[in-house]
Amino acid sequence: MKFLAMQISLLVIAIASSLEGTVQAAPIDDFEGRWALTIPGGRAGWLSVSKEKGYYDSSILWGGGSVVPTSSTYIDEDGNLVVTRVRTQDRKVKGEVVKTHTFTETLKARVKGDEIHITQYNPHRNGKGVNIEEFSGNRIKDLPKAPDLSKAKFGKPITLLKKNSLDGWRLMEDKPNGWSVNNGVLTNNPVQPEGKHIRYANLRTVDEFEDFNLTLEANVPKDGNSGIYLRGIYEVQVEDSYGEPADSHHMGAVYSRITPSKAVEKPAGEWQTVDITLMDRHITVILNGTTIIDNEPLLGCTGGAMTSNEFKPGPLYLQGDHSGVSYRNVVLTPIKN
């Protein structure tokens, strides 16, 4: 009897241990964190999910534009993360707005390990039916601590502009070209017909880079707007924002992500110096001799990024689809890893 009891006890312990191991090994959905997305159409997107006091919140970047908060974030009865965005659209009759229509776009997500799989439900604007698309993304690795820039090992400086040619650069899209180089000055001149806006091509380097220091001079006309994309992922804003308070959409900012510590822009039409260091997903920006972003972390891609993947080299690209702008003395110095 004692032997049988002992055998039963051992069996119970074995089963309990087996069940415990099974529970621990089972996949557990973990939505919290930052996610690099490839959204419908192949564009770069980004999603951040946080949880505080039992409630979920999220922010999203959808291709272009800014990082914005979502309307709601919750876990449904099936264990899906549900994110909604309330959007508006003007309804027009003969060119005049007769009503502003509100519609809700829904994203349902499941997580498996470091991958997120999302189904998008986007109502048709005419109120009939819904467009359903699927896409995915990956969890973004935790940021390392801010690098010690005094210990950075720099390579040989690379002068990126020829005196009178676009050698080393190429257009990014099959659109009109407004770019030209004359006596070492790279200028974008997107001539527009009256009453219309034609989108001109952005310009990128043929070569790709990882971590580096970039120095250049930029000249923005009145109300001008351009941007410098580092590795094709992070946009440092170039804009005529002289006289306005510091903002994450103004000159020298990391677009919609990092606000400069102070506004030190020069008036439109004047040459401004820009000094940028990108290292270990941290950025420093010195505008006109003043440090306005000091070794701050980059939480993800910005609107207009070529990719949401922050872990591979990419080109320097200049935004040319907004307005005229000029650049000169563009020098990139790689950081050796």
Foldseek 3Di string as FASTA:
>chain_A
DVVVVVVVVVVVVVVVVVVVVVVVPDWDWDPAAKWWWQDPVRATKIKHWDDDPRAIWMWMGDFFDAIGTFDGWDQDPVRWIKTKHKDWDFDDDPRHGPDIDIDIKMWTWTDGDFKIKIWIWAADPVRPGTDIDIIMTGGDDDFDPQDDVVPWAWDDKDFCFDQWANPQKDWDDPFAFQWTHHRQKIKGALDDDPPDAGFGTKMWGPDWAAWWKKKKKKAAAVQGWKWKDALLFWTQTDGQPPPHWWDCRDHRHRHNFGTFQTDDDDHHGDIKMWIWGDDRQFIWIAIRNRTRGDRHHHRFGHHRGPGGDNPDIHIIMMGRGTHMMMMGRIMIIHTDD
